[in-house]
Amino acid sequence: MDFQPTQDQRDLRAGVRDLLAGRYGREELRASVDRAAATGRSVDRALWRELGEAGFFALRLPEDEGGVGLGMPEAVLVFEEAGRALLPGPLVATHLAAGLVAGAAEGEAVVTAFDLEGPLVAHLGEADAVLGADGEPVEPAGGYGAGEPVRSADPLTPLARVLLPGEPVASGAYRDAGALLTAALQLGSALRTVELAVRYAKEREQFGQPIGAFQAVKHLCAQMLVRAEVARTAVYAAAVTADPAEVAGAKLLADEAAVRNARDCLQVHGGMGFTWEADVHLHLKRAWVRAEQWRTAAQAEEALAAELLAVVE
């Protein structure tokens, strides 16, 4: 059985990569960090609408409902590219809201969700609606008040603690879809930090030769690649099977790959990696936040343990 992407899927991925490279390259990434620091907002509404026009949010909606009519495997490829570019905003929630919230499919509405533990919500101040815990209830963002701002590790993921107590965390198939799409974002980031590390290792010279010639650096880059490829396999497989246990495993592996690859990429960059001018820290900070969204490592481990226990019994 051939699990390689089809030509149409490869073309879709290449098209999204080209779109993001032209519309959200490094200069725009750094500019958005500056804007977020000044305004507390990270969503570019014009870019959001462009994503909507390109079918980013309506990708899995049936064609007779105005969508593209594709499936989760294609969505995973698209979200992988968004993760690679560090595209900010509640991408997963808005994608899941397509067909539920007016304007979400077209990118006219920004939708966030209760995808974090506790009453924390990302991008609340920029959202037009908030998805409830089961994906069906849809509330106006203003219904939760302005929220209490909470300092976020990621400068492009503003967090707020809502004023209503006890909102439950997303559950069921809705949660699985959110976890898998977030895993795809993490996968894209993990693959991108491999590229950044390898490129720097080829360019940076020490003792008259590229640092990539040294065994310690080679091992770091090789370990990064292995992590990313293992995560890629798990994410792609879960997108095909939609098995909850495989989704949990994919999220667990993708979170690990994104966080550890960003750390190793920083290590390869040495002192340069610790500076604000380098992009490595942005990948690490985003990976930290995404690791807490939709399903944490502890929750994924519990889901896998329960599945194994059920098989044994």
C-alpha atoms as a PDB file:
ATOM      1  CA  MET A   1       0.000   0.000   0.000  1.00  0.00           C
ATOM      2  CA  ASP A   2       1.381   3.393  -1.016  1.00  0.00           C
ATOM      3  CA  PHE A   3       1.094   6.068   1.676  1.00  0.00           C
ATOM      4  CA  GLN A   4       3.010   8.720  -0.253  1.00  0.00           C
ATOM      5  CA  PRO A   5       1.085  11.934  -0.996  1.00  0.00           C
ATOM      6  CA  THR A   6      -0.607  11.988  -4.371  1.00  0.00           C
ATOM      7  CA  GLN A   7       0.405  14.471  -7.031  1.00  0.00           C
ATOM      8  CA  ASP A   8      -2.664  16.578  -6.237  1.00  0.00           C
ATOM      9  CA  GLN A   9      -1.712  16.608  -2.561  1.00  0.00           C
ATOM     10  CA  ARG A  10       1.860  17.599  -3.362  1.00  0.00           C
ATOM     11  CA  ASP A  11       0.570  20.382  -5.609  1.00  0.00           C
ATOM     12  CA  LEU A  12      -1.724  21.590  -2.818  1.00  0.00           C
ATOM     13  CA  ARG A  13       1.163  21.701  -0.357  1.00  0.00           C
ATOM     14  CA  ALA A  14       3.404  23.513  -2.848  1.00  0.00           C
ATOM     15  CA  GLY A  15       0.679  26.052  -3.582  1.00  0.00           C
ATOM     16  CA  VAL A  16       0.180  26.846   0.093  1.00  0.00           C
ATOM     17  CA  ARG A  17       3.930  27.124   0.625  1.00  0.00           C
ATOM     18  CA  ASP A  18       4.205  29.567  -2.278  1.00  0.00           C
ATOM     19  CA  LEU A  19       1.263  31.604  -0.978  1.00  0.00           C
ATOM     20  CA  LEU A  20       2.738  31.893   2.505  1.00  0.00           C
ATOM     21  CA  ALA A  21       6.259  32.577   1.231  1.00  0.00           C
ATOM     22  CA  GLY A  22       4.953  35.492  -0.788  1.00  0.00           C
ATOM     23  CA  ARG A  23       2.502  36.786   1.790  1.00  0.00           C
ATOM     24  CA  TYR A  24       4.079  35.888   5.137  1.00  0.00           C
ATOM     25  CA  GLY A  25       7.824  35.633   4.745  1.00  0.00           C
ATOM     26  CA  ARG A  26      10.438  36.446   7.343  1.00  0.00           C
ATOM     27  CA  GLU A  27      10.048  40.222   7.079  1.00  0.00           C
ATOM     28  CA  GLU A  28       6.313  39.996   7.693  1.00  0.00           C
ATOM     29  CA  LEU A  29       6.870  37.553  10.546  1.00  0.00           C
ATOM     30  CA  ARG A  30       9.188  39.972  12.311  1.00  0.00           C
ATOM     31  CA  ALA A  31       6.887  42.912  11.548  1.00  0.00           C
ATOM     32  CA  SER A  32       3.965  41.026  13.076  1.00  0.00           C
ATOM     33  CA  VAL A  33       6.001  40.460  16.243  1.00  0.00           C
ATOM     34  CA  ASP A  34       6.576  44.204  16.482  1.00  0.00           C
ATOM     35  CA  ARG A  35       2.887  44.951  15.860  1.00  0.00           C
ATOM     36  CA  ALA A  36       1.813  42.443  18.482  1.00  0.00           C
ATOM     37  CA  ALA A  37       4.143  44.042  21.019  1.00  0.00           C
ATOM     38  CA  ALA A  38       2.621  47.450  20.303  1.00  0.00           C
ATOM     39  CA  THR A  39      -1.060  46.509  19.962  1.00  0.00           C
ATOM     40  CA  GLY A  40      -1.514  43.093  21.573  1.00  0.00           C
ATOM     41  CA  ARG A  41      -2.939  41.788  18.293  1.00  0.00           C
ATOM     42  CA  SER A  42      -1.333  39.289  15.941  1.00  0.00           C
ATOM     43  CA  VAL A  43      -4.045  38.461  13.388  1.00  0.00           C
ATOM     44  CA  ASP A  44      -3.748  40.218  10.032  1.00  0.00           C
ATOM     45  CA  ARG A  45      -7.359  40.417   8.860  1.00  0.00           C
ATOM     46  CA  ALA A  46      -6.372  40.968   5.240  1.00  0.00           C
ATOM     47  CA  LEU A  47      -4.198  37.859   5.276  1.00  0.00           C
ATOM     48  CA  TRP A  48      -6.989  35.963   7.079  1.00  0.00           C
ATOM     49  CA  ARG A  49      -9.356  36.799   4.214  1.00  0.00           C
ATOM     50  CA  GLU A  50      -6.744  35.724   1.676  1.00  0.00           C
ATOM     51  CA  LEU A  51      -6.464  32.386   3.443  1.00  0.00           C
ATOM     52  CA  GLY A  52     -10.233  32.098   3.308  1.00  0.00           C
ATOM     53  CA  GLU A  53     -10.260  32.845  -0.422  1.00  0.00           C
ATOM     54  CA  ALA A  54      -7.605  30.167  -0.925  1.00  0.00           C
ATOM     55  CA  GLY A  55      -9.850  27.606   0.813  1.00  0.00           C
ATOM     56  CA  PHE A  56      -7.716  27.231   3.937  1.00  0.00           C
ATOM     57  CA  PHE A  57     -10.648  27.244   6.348  1.00  0.00           C
ATOM     58  CA  ALA A  58     -13.249  25.641   4.054  1.00  0.00           C
ATOM     59  CA  LEU A  59     -10.942  22.836   2.942  1.00  0.00           C
ATOM     60  CA  ARG A  60     -12.996  20.046   4.548  1.00  0.00           C
ATOM     61  CA  LEU A  61     -16.444  21.542   3.964  1.00  0.00           C
ATOM     62  CA  PRO A  62     -18.498  19.691   1.304  1.00  0.00           C
ATOM     63  CA  GLU A  63     -18.621  21.385  -2.059  1.00  0.00           C
ATOM     64  CA  ASP A  64     -22.404  21.735  -1.895  1.00  0.00           C
ATOM     65  CA  GLU A  65     -21.890  23.821   1.255  1.00  0.00           C
ATOM     66  CA  GLY A  66     -19.413  26.120  -0.408  1.00  0.00           C
ATOM     67  CA  GLY A  67     -16.308  24.220   0.660  1.00  0.00           C
ATOM     68  CA  VAL A  68     -13.429  22.564  -1.155  1.00  0.00           C
ATOM     69  CA  GLY A  69     -14.583  19.028  -0.390  1.00  0.00           C
ATOM     70  CA  LEU A  70     -11.232  17.579   0.659  1.00  0.00           C
ATOM     71  CA  GLY A  71     -10.371  15.565   3.783  1.00  0.00           C
ATOM     72  CA  MET A  72      -8.170  15.497   6.835  1.00  0.00           C
ATOM     73  CA  PRO A  73      -5.059  14.237   4.962  1.00  0.00           C
ATOM     74  CA  GLU A  74      -5.131  17.368   2.796  1.00  0.00           C
ATOM     75  CA  ALA A  75      -5.844  19.603   5.808  1.00  0.00           C
ATOM     76  CA  VAL A  76      -2.814  18.166   7.591  1.00  0.00           C
ATOM     77  CA  LEU A  77      -0.572  19.044   4.644  1.00  0.00           C
ATOM     78  CA  VAL A  78      -1.916  22.598   4.566  1.00  0.00           C
ATOM     79  CA  PHE A  79      -1.517  23.097   8.317  1.00  0.00           C
ATOM     80  CA  GLU A  80       2.000  21.686   8.145  1.00  0.00           C
ATOM     81  CA  GLU A  81       2.913  24.557   5.836  1.00  0.00           C
ATOM     82  CA  ALA A  82       1.275  27.090   8.157  1.00  0.00           C
ATOM     83  CA  GLY A  83       3.351  25.713  11.023  1.00  0.00           C
ATOM     84  CA  ARG A  84       6.484  25.920   8.931  1.00  0.00           C
ATOM     85  CA  ALA A  85       5.811  29.628   8.321  1.00  0.00           C
ATOM     86  CA  LEU A  86       4.849  30.301  11.982  1.00  0.00           C
ATOM     87  CA  LEU A  87       1.573  31.793  10.779  1.00  0.00           C
ATOM     88  CA  PRO A  88      -0.162  33.286  13.831  1.00  0.00           C
ATOM     89  CA  GLY A  89      -3.809  33.243  14.799  1.00  0.00           C
ATOM     90  CA  PRO A  90      -6.459  30.694  15.841  1.00  0.00           C
ATOM     91  CA  LEU A  91      -6.101  28.732  12.617  1.00  0.00           C
ATOM     92  CA  VAL A  92      -7.386  25.440  14.008  1.00  0.00           C
ATOM     93  CA  ALA A  93     -10.463  26.907  15.689  1.00  0.00           C
ATOM     94  CA  THR A  94     -11.451  28.951  12.625  1.00  0.00           C
ATOM     95  CA  HIS A  95     -11.000  25.884  10.410  1.00  0.00           C
ATOM     96  CA  LEU A  96     -13.211  23.836  12.742  1.00  0.00           C
ATOM     97  CA  ALA A  97     -15.779  26.649  12.805  1.00  0.00           C
ATOM     98  CA  ALA A  98     -16.229  26.650   9.013  1.00  0.00           C
ATOM     99  CA  GLY A  99     -19.908  25.957   8.388  1.00  0.00           C
ATOM    100  CA  LEU A 100     -20.818  26.788  11.998  1.00  0.00           C
ATOM    101  CA  VAL A 101     -19.872  30.447  12.277  1.00  0.00           C
ATOM    102  CA  ALA A 102     -20.887  32.891   9.580  1.00  0.00           C
ATOM    103  CA  GLY A 103     -17.810  34.129   7.740  1.00  0.00           C
ATOM    104  CA  ALA A 104     -15.382  31.585   9.181  1.00  0.00           C
ATOM    105  CA  ALA A 105     -15.058  29.579   5.971  1.00  0.00           C
ATOM    106  CA  GLU A 106     -14.386  32.732   3.959  1.00  0.00           C
ATOM    107  CA  GLY A 107     -11.883  34.161   6.437  1.00  0.00           C
ATOM    108  CA  GLU A 108     -14.210  37.046   7.249  1.00  0.00           C
ATOM    109  CA  ALA A 109     -14.509  35.903  10.868  1.00  0.00           C
ATOM    110  CA  VAL A 110     -11.774  35.012  13.341  1.00  0.00           C
ATOM    111  CA  VAL A 111     -12.863  32.221  15.663  1.00  0.00           C
ATOM    112  CA  THR A 112     -11.075  30.975  18.752  1.00  0.00           C
ATOM    113  CA  ALA A 113     -11.898  28.079  21.076  1.00  0.00           C
ATOM    114  CA  PHE A 114     -11.482  26.611  24.547  1.00  0.00           C
ATOM    115  CA  ASP A 115      -8.469  24.571  23.495  1.00  0.00           C
ATOM    116  CA  LEU A 116      -6.316  25.140  26.586  1.00  0.00           C
ATOM    117  CA  GLU A 117      -6.557  23.738  30.097  1.00  0.00           C
ATOM    118  CA  GLY A 118      -8.622  25.918  32.387  1.00  0.00           C
ATOM    119  CA  PRO A 119     -10.358  29.161  31.391  1.00  0.00           C
ATOM    120  CA  LEU A 120      -7.568  30.393  29.115  1.00  0.00           C
ATOM    121  CA  VAL A 121      -8.416  31.448  25.567  1.00  0.00           C
ATOM    122  CA  ALA A 122      -5.951  32.438  22.850  1.00  0.00           C
ATOM    123  CA  HIS A 123      -6.605  35.482  20.670  1.00  0.00           C
ATOM    124  CA  LEU A 124      -9.791  36.353  22.587  1.00  0.00           C
ATOM    125  CA  GLY A 125      -9.419  40.080  21.982  1.00  0.00           C
ATOM    126  CA  GLU A 126      -9.223  39.543  18.224  1.00  0.00           C
ATOM    127  CA  ALA A 127     -11.931  36.898  17.850  1.00  0.00           C
ATOM    128  CA  ASP A 128     -15.479  37.347  16.572  1.00  0.00           C
ATOM    129  CA  ALA A 129     -16.682  34.104  18.157  1.00  0.00           C
ATOM    130  CA  VAL A 130     -15.607  31.391  20.585  1.00  0.00           C
ATOM    131  CA  LEU A 131     -16.367  27.731  20.006  1.00  0.00           C
ATOM    132  CA  GLY A 132     -17.724  25.886  23.022  1.00  0.00           C
ATOM    133  CA  ALA A 133     -16.187  22.762  24.488  1.00  0.00           C
ATOM    134  CA  ASP A 134     -17.955  20.342  22.144  1.00  0.00           C
ATOM    135  CA  GLY A 135     -17.540  22.376  18.990  1.00  0.00           C
ATOM    136  CA  GLU A 136     -21.258  23.012  18.563  1.00  0.00           C
ATOM    137  CA  PRO A 137     -22.135  25.911  20.893  1.00  0.00           C
ATOM    138  CA  VAL A 138     -20.920  29.142  19.352  1.00  0.00           C
ATOM    139  CA  GLU A 139     -20.684  32.237  21.496  1.00  0.00           C
ATOM    140  CA  PRO A 140     -19.861  35.815  20.509  1.00  0.00           C
ATOM    141  CA  ALA A 141     -16.396  36.617  21.777  1.00  0.00           C
ATOM    142  CA  GLY A 142     -17.785  39.623  23.615  1.00  0.00           C
ATOM    143  CA  GLY A 143     -19.987  37.321  25.665  1.00  0.00           C
ATOM    144  CA  TYR A 144     -16.933  36.345  27.676  1.00  0.00           C
ATOM    145  CA  GLY A 145     -15.924  39.901  28.392  1.00  0.00           C
ATOM    146  CA  ALA A 146     -12.560  41.320  27.553  1.00  0.00           C
ATOM    147  CA  GLY A 147     -10.864  38.679  29.651  1.00  0.00           C
ATOM    148  CA  GLU A 148      -7.893  39.131  31.892  1.00  0.00           C
ATOM    149  CA  PRO A 149      -4.668  39.242  29.856  1.00  0.00           C
ATOM    150  CA  VAL A 150      -2.194  36.518  30.761  1.00  0.00           C
ATOM    151  CA  ARG A 151       1.451  36.746  29.797  1.00  0.00           C
ATOM    152  CA  SER A 152       2.186  34.322  26.973  1.00  0.00           C
ATOM    153  CA  ALA A 153       5.513  32.709  26.152  1.00  0.00           C
ATOM    154  CA  ASP A 154       4.807  33.340  22.480  1.00  0.00           C
ATOM    155  CA  PRO A 155       4.655  37.007  21.447  1.00  0.00           C
ATOM    156  CA  LEU A 156       2.235  36.083  18.640  1.00  0.00           C
ATOM    157  CA  THR A 157      -0.235  34.100  20.777  1.00  0.00           C
ATOM    158  CA  PRO A 158      -1.939  36.499  23.203  1.00  0.00           C
ATOM    159  CA  LEU A 159      -3.750  34.710  26.033  1.00  0.00           C
ATOM    160  CA  ALA A 160      -6.649  35.806  28.222  1.00  0.00           C
ATOM    161  CA  ARG A 161      -8.350  34.291  31.234  1.00  0.00           C
ATOM    162  CA  VAL A 162     -12.086  34.513  30.665  1.00  0.00           C
ATOM    163  CA  LEU A 163     -14.385  35.910  33.296  1.00  0.00           C
ATOM    164  CA  LEU A 164     -16.632  32.849  33.361  1.00  0.00           C
ATOM    165  CA  PRO A 165     -15.608  29.931  35.621  1.00  0.00           C
ATOM    166  CA  GLY A 166     -15.296  26.281  34.796  1.00  0.00           C
ATOM    167  CA  GLU A 167     -15.493  26.184  31.009  1.00  0.00           C
ATOM    168  CA  PRO A 168     -14.613  22.564  30.115  1.00  0.00           C
ATOM    169  CA  VAL A 169     -11.861  21.564  27.742  1.00  0.00           C
ATOM    170  CA  ALA A 170     -12.854  20.398  24.255  1.00  0.00           C
ATOM    171  CA  SER A 171     -13.721  16.699  24.005  1.00  0.00           C
ATOM    172  CA  GLY A 172     -14.617  13.942  21.579  1.00  0.00           C
ATOM    173  CA  ALA A 173     -14.047  13.929  17.818  1.00  0.00           C
ATOM    174  CA  TYR A 174     -13.919  17.724  17.839  1.00  0.00           C
ATOM    175  CA  ARG A 175     -10.978  17.577  20.220  1.00  0.00           C
ATOM    176  CA  ASP A 176      -9.267  14.875  18.133  1.00  0.00           C
ATOM    177  CA  ALA A 177      -9.520  17.024  15.008  1.00  0.00           C
ATOM    178  CA  GLY A 178      -8.112  20.020  16.846  1.00  0.00           C
ATOM    179  CA  ALA A 179      -5.280  17.944  18.294  1.00  0.00           C
ATOM    180  CA  LEU A 180      -4.346  16.489  14.906  1.00  0.00           C
ATOM    181  CA  LEU A 181      -4.347  19.839  13.124  1.00  0.00           C
ATOM    182  CA  THR A 182      -2.234  21.298  15.944  1.00  0.00           C
ATOM    183  CA  ALA A 183       0.130  18.335  15.580  1.00  0.00           C
ATOM    184  CA  ALA A 184       0.450  19.235  11.894  1.00  0.00           C
ATOM    185  CA  LEU A 185       1.394  22.807  12.855  1.00  0.00           C
ATOM    186  CA  GLN A 186       4.011  21.418  15.249  1.00  0.00           C
ATOM    187  CA  LEU A 187       5.314  19.116  12.517  1.00  0.00           C
ATOM    188  CA  GLY A 188       5.790  22.046  10.140  1.00  0.00           C
ATOM    189  CA  SER A 189       7.755  23.928  12.782  1.00  0.00           C
ATOM    190  CA  ALA A 190       9.894  20.864  13.551  1.00  0.00           C
ATOM    191  CA  LEU A 191      10.761  20.424   9.873  1.00  0.00           C
ATOM    192  CA  ARG A 192      11.536  24.113   9.496  1.00  0.00           C
ATOM    193  CA  THR A 193      13.977  24.130  12.426  1.00  0.00           C
ATOM    194  CA  VAL A 194      15.806  21.211  10.800  1.00  0.00           C
ATOM    195  CA  GLU A 195      16.236  23.399   7.720  1.00  0.00           C
ATOM    196  CA  LEU A 196      17.421  26.357   9.789  1.00  0.00           C
ATOM    197  CA  ALA A 197      19.937  24.256  11.717  1.00  0.00           C
ATOM    198  CA  VAL A 198      21.388  22.577   8.631  1.00  0.00           C
ATOM    199  CA  ARG A 199      21.681  25.856   6.756  1.00  0.00           C
ATOM    200  CA  TYR A 200      23.474  27.554   9.651  1.00  0.00           C
ATOM    201  CA  ALA A 201      25.756  24.546  10.109  1.00  0.00           C
ATOM    202  CA  LYS A 202      26.823  24.881   6.475  1.00  0.00           C
ATOM    203  CA  GLU A 203      27.373  28.638   6.634  1.00  0.00           C
ATOM    204  CA  ARG A 204      28.973  29.189  10.044  1.00  0.00           C
ATOM    205  CA  GLU A 205      32.697  28.466  10.106  1.00  0.00           C
ATOM    206  CA  GLN A 206      34.923  27.669  13.043  1.00  0.00           C
ATOM    207  CA  PHE A 207      38.605  26.695  12.948  1.00  0.00           C
ATOM    208  CA  GLY A 208      38.587  27.194   9.196  1.00  0.00           C
ATOM    209  CA  GLN A 209      35.678  24.872   8.328  1.00  0.00           C
ATOM    210  CA  PRO A 210      31.859  24.813   8.530  1.00  0.00           C
ATOM    211  CA  ILE A 211      30.626  23.760  11.955  1.00  0.00           C
ATOM    212  CA  GLY A 212      28.568  21.094  10.215  1.00  0.00           C
ATOM    213  CA  ALA A 213      31.797  19.168   9.704  1.00  0.00           C
ATOM    214  CA  PHE A 214      32.029  18.514  13.445  1.00  0.00           C
ATOM    215  CA  GLN A 215      30.555  15.261  14.694  1.00  0.00           C
ATOM    216  CA  ALA A 216      28.620  16.811  17.580  1.00  0.00           C
ATOM    217  CA  VAL A 217      26.777  19.164  15.223  1.00  0.00           C
ATOM    218  CA  LYS A 218      26.142  16.365  12.734  1.00  0.00           C
ATOM    219  CA  HIS A 219      24.563  14.283  15.485  1.00  0.00           C
ATOM    220  CA  LEU A 220      22.308  17.138  16.598  1.00  0.00           C
ATOM    221  CA  CYS A 221      21.041  17.706  13.057  1.00  0.00           C
ATOM    222  CA  ALA A 222      20.557  13.973  12.461  1.00  0.00           C
ATOM    223  CA  GLN A 223      18.554  13.600  15.676  1.00  0.00           C
ATOM    224  CA  MET A 224      16.394  16.552  14.673  1.00  0.00           C
ATOM    225  CA  LEU A 225      15.648  14.987  11.306  1.00  0.00           C
ATOM    226  CA  VAL A 226      14.750  11.627  12.856  1.00  0.00           C
ATOM    227  CA  ARG A 227      12.345  13.267  15.319  1.00  0.00           C
ATOM    228  CA  ALA A 228      10.653  15.259  12.578  1.00  0.00           C
ATOM    229  CA  GLU A 229      10.290  12.285  10.233  1.00  0.00           C
ATOM    230  CA  VAL A 230       8.899  10.021  12.962  1.00  0.00           C
ATOM    231  CA  ALA A 231       6.385  12.731  13.831  1.00  0.00           C
ATOM    232  CA  ARG A 232       5.525  13.176  10.157  1.00  0.00           C
ATOM    233  CA  THR A 233       4.766   9.467   9.810  1.00  0.00           C
ATOM    234  CA  ALA A 234       2.538   9.509  12.883  1.00  0.00           C
ATOM    235  CA  VAL A 235       0.649  12.649  11.827  1.00  0.00           C
ATOM    236  CA  TYR A 236       0.048  11.420   8.269  1.00  0.00           C
ATOM    237  CA  ALA A 237      -1.097   8.009   9.513  1.00  0.00           C
ATOM    238  CA  ALA A 238      -3.518   9.526  12.020  1.00  0.00           C
ATOM    239  CA  ALA A 239      -4.931  11.770   9.298  1.00  0.00           C
ATOM    240  CA  VAL A 240      -5.795   8.659   7.267  1.00  0.00           C
ATOM    241  CA  THR A 241      -7.111   6.436  10.069  1.00  0.00           C
ATOM    242  CA  ALA A 242      -8.730   9.090  12.321  1.00  0.00           C
ATOM    243  CA  ASP A 243      -8.130   6.652  15.167  1.00  0.00           C
ATOM    244  CA  PRO A 244      -8.219   8.533  18.523  1.00  0.00           C
ATOM    245  CA  ALA A 245      -5.224   6.620  19.890  1.00  0.00           C
ATOM    246  CA  GLU A 246      -3.190   7.388  16.772  1.00  0.00           C
ATOM    247  CA  VAL A 247      -4.191  11.041  16.994  1.00  0.00           C
ATOM    248  CA  ALA A 248      -2.977  11.096  20.608  1.00  0.00           C
ATOM    249  CA  GLY A 249       0.310   9.498  19.572  1.00  0.00           C
ATOM    250  CA  ALA A 250       0.723  11.946  16.706  1.00  0.00           C
ATOM    251  CA  LYS A 251       0.193  14.947  18.990  1.00  0.00           C
ATOM    252  CA  LEU A 252       2.640  13.531  21.527  1.00  0.00           C
ATOM    253  CA  LEU A 253       5.363  12.939  18.926  1.00  0.00           C
ATOM    254  CA  ALA A 254       4.793  16.219  17.093  1.00  0.00           C
ATOM    255  CA  ASP A 255       4.934  18.249  20.314  1.00  0.00           C
ATOM    256  CA  GLU A 256       8.192  16.552  21.269  1.00  0.00           C
ATOM    257  CA  ALA A 257       9.674  17.092  17.811  1.00  0.00           C
ATOM    258  CA  ALA A 258       8.720  20.775  17.709  1.00  0.00           C
ATOM    259  CA  VAL A 259      10.028  21.604  21.186  1.00  0.00           C
ATOM    260  CA  ARG A 260      13.203  19.507  21.140  1.00  0.00           C
ATOM    261  CA  ASN A 261      14.078  20.444  17.557  1.00  0.00           C
ATOM    262  CA  ALA A 262      13.766  24.120  18.372  1.00  0.00           C
ATOM    263  CA  ARG A 263      16.046  23.634  21.376  1.00  0.00           C
ATOM    264  CA  ASP A 264      18.613  21.724  19.310  1.00  0.00           C
ATOM    265  CA  CYS A 265      18.391  24.301  16.529  1.00  0.00           C
ATOM    266  CA  LEU A 266      19.170  26.957  19.104  1.00  0.00           C
ATOM    267  CA  GLN A 267      22.131  24.853  20.237  1.00  0.00           C
ATOM    268  CA  VAL A 268      23.463  24.600  16.673  1.00  0.00           C
ATOM    269  CA  HIS A 269      23.214  28.382  16.350  1.00  0.00           C
ATOM    270  CA  GLY A 270      25.212  28.820  19.561  1.00  0.00           C
ATOM    271  CA  GLY A 271      25.248  32.337  20.999  1.00  0.00           C
ATOM    272  CA  MET A 272      23.509  33.667  17.892  1.00  0.00           C
ATOM    273  CA  GLY A 273      20.515  31.465  18.665  1.00  0.00           C
ATOM    274  CA  PHE A 274      19.857  33.270  21.945  1.00  0.00           C
ATOM    275  CA  THR A 275      19.495  36.676  20.299  1.00  0.00           C
ATOM    276  CA  TRP A 276      16.183  38.369  19.507  1.00  0.00           C
ATOM    277  CA  GLU A 277      17.259  38.758  15.879  1.00  0.00           C
ATOM    278  CA  ALA A 278      17.325  34.999  15.290  1.00  0.00           C
ATOM    279  CA  ASP A 279      14.003  33.287  14.519  1.00  0.00           C
ATOM    280  CA  VAL A 280      14.765  30.142  16.494  1.00  0.00           C
ATOM    281  CA  HIS A 281      13.242  31.432  19.733  1.00  0.00           C
ATOM    282  CA  LEU A 282       9.948  32.129  17.946  1.00  0.00           C
ATOM    283  CA  HIS A 283       9.669  28.473  16.944  1.00  0.00           C
ATOM    284  CA  LEU A 284      10.455  27.349  20.481  1.00  0.00           C
ATOM    285  CA  LYS A 285       7.950  29.699  22.100  1.00  0.00           C
ATOM    286  CA  ARG A 286       5.176  28.750  19.669  1.00  0.00           C
ATOM    287  CA  ALA A 287       5.936  25.065  20.213  1.00  0.00           C
ATOM    288  CA  TRP A 288       5.608  25.507  23.975  1.00  0.00           C
ATOM    289  CA  VAL A 289       2.160  27.076  23.605  1.00  0.00           C
ATOM    290  CA  ARG A 290       0.886  24.552  21.051  1.00  0.00           C
ATOM    291  CA  ALA A 291       2.002  21.698  23.289  1.00  0.00           C
ATOM    292  CA  GLU A 292      -0.677  22.866  25.748  1.00  0.00           C
ATOM    293  CA  GLN A 293      -3.433  23.188  23.150  1.00  0.00           C
ATOM    294  CA  TRP A 294      -6.192  20.632  22.441  1.00  0.00           C
ATOM    295  CA  ARG A 295      -4.316  17.776  24.107  1.00  0.00           C
ATOM    296  CA  THR A 296      -1.310  17.976  26.412  1.00  0.00           C
ATOM    297  CA  ALA A 297       1.408  15.348  26.660  1.00  0.00           C
ATOM    298  CA  ALA A 298      -0.101  13.988  29.883  1.00  0.00           C
ATOM    299  CA  GLN A 299      -3.532  13.711  28.273  1.00  0.00           C
ATOM    300  CA  ALA A 300      -2.111  12.004  25.193  1.00  0.00           C
ATOM    301  CA  GLU A 301      -0.236   9.526  27.353  1.00  0.00           C
ATOM    302  CA  GLU A 302      -3.421   8.747  29.306  1.00  0.00           C
ATOM    303  CA  ALA A 303      -5.339   8.191  26.052  1.00  0.00           C
ATOM    304  CA  LEU A 304      -2.681   5.818  24.755  1.00  0.00           C
ATOM    305  CA  ALA A 305      -2.508   3.960  28.074  1.00  0.00           C
ATOM    306  CA  ALA A 306      -6.279   3.518  28.082  1.00  0.00           C
ATOM    307  CA  GLU A 307      -6.169   2.155  24.535  1.00  0.00           C
ATOM    308  CA  LEU A 308      -3.420  -0.328  25.420  1.00  0.00           C
ATOM    309  CA  LEU A 309      -5.305  -1.393  28.520  1.00  0.00           C
ATOM    310  CA  ALA A 310      -8.427  -2.009  26.473  1.00  0.00           C
ATOM    311  CA  VAL A 311      -6.459  -4.195  24.059  1.00  0.00           C
ATOM    312  CA  VAL A 312      -4.967  -6.245  26.906  1.00  0.00           C
ATOM    313  CA  GLU A 313      -8.342  -6.752  28.533  1.00  0.00           C
END
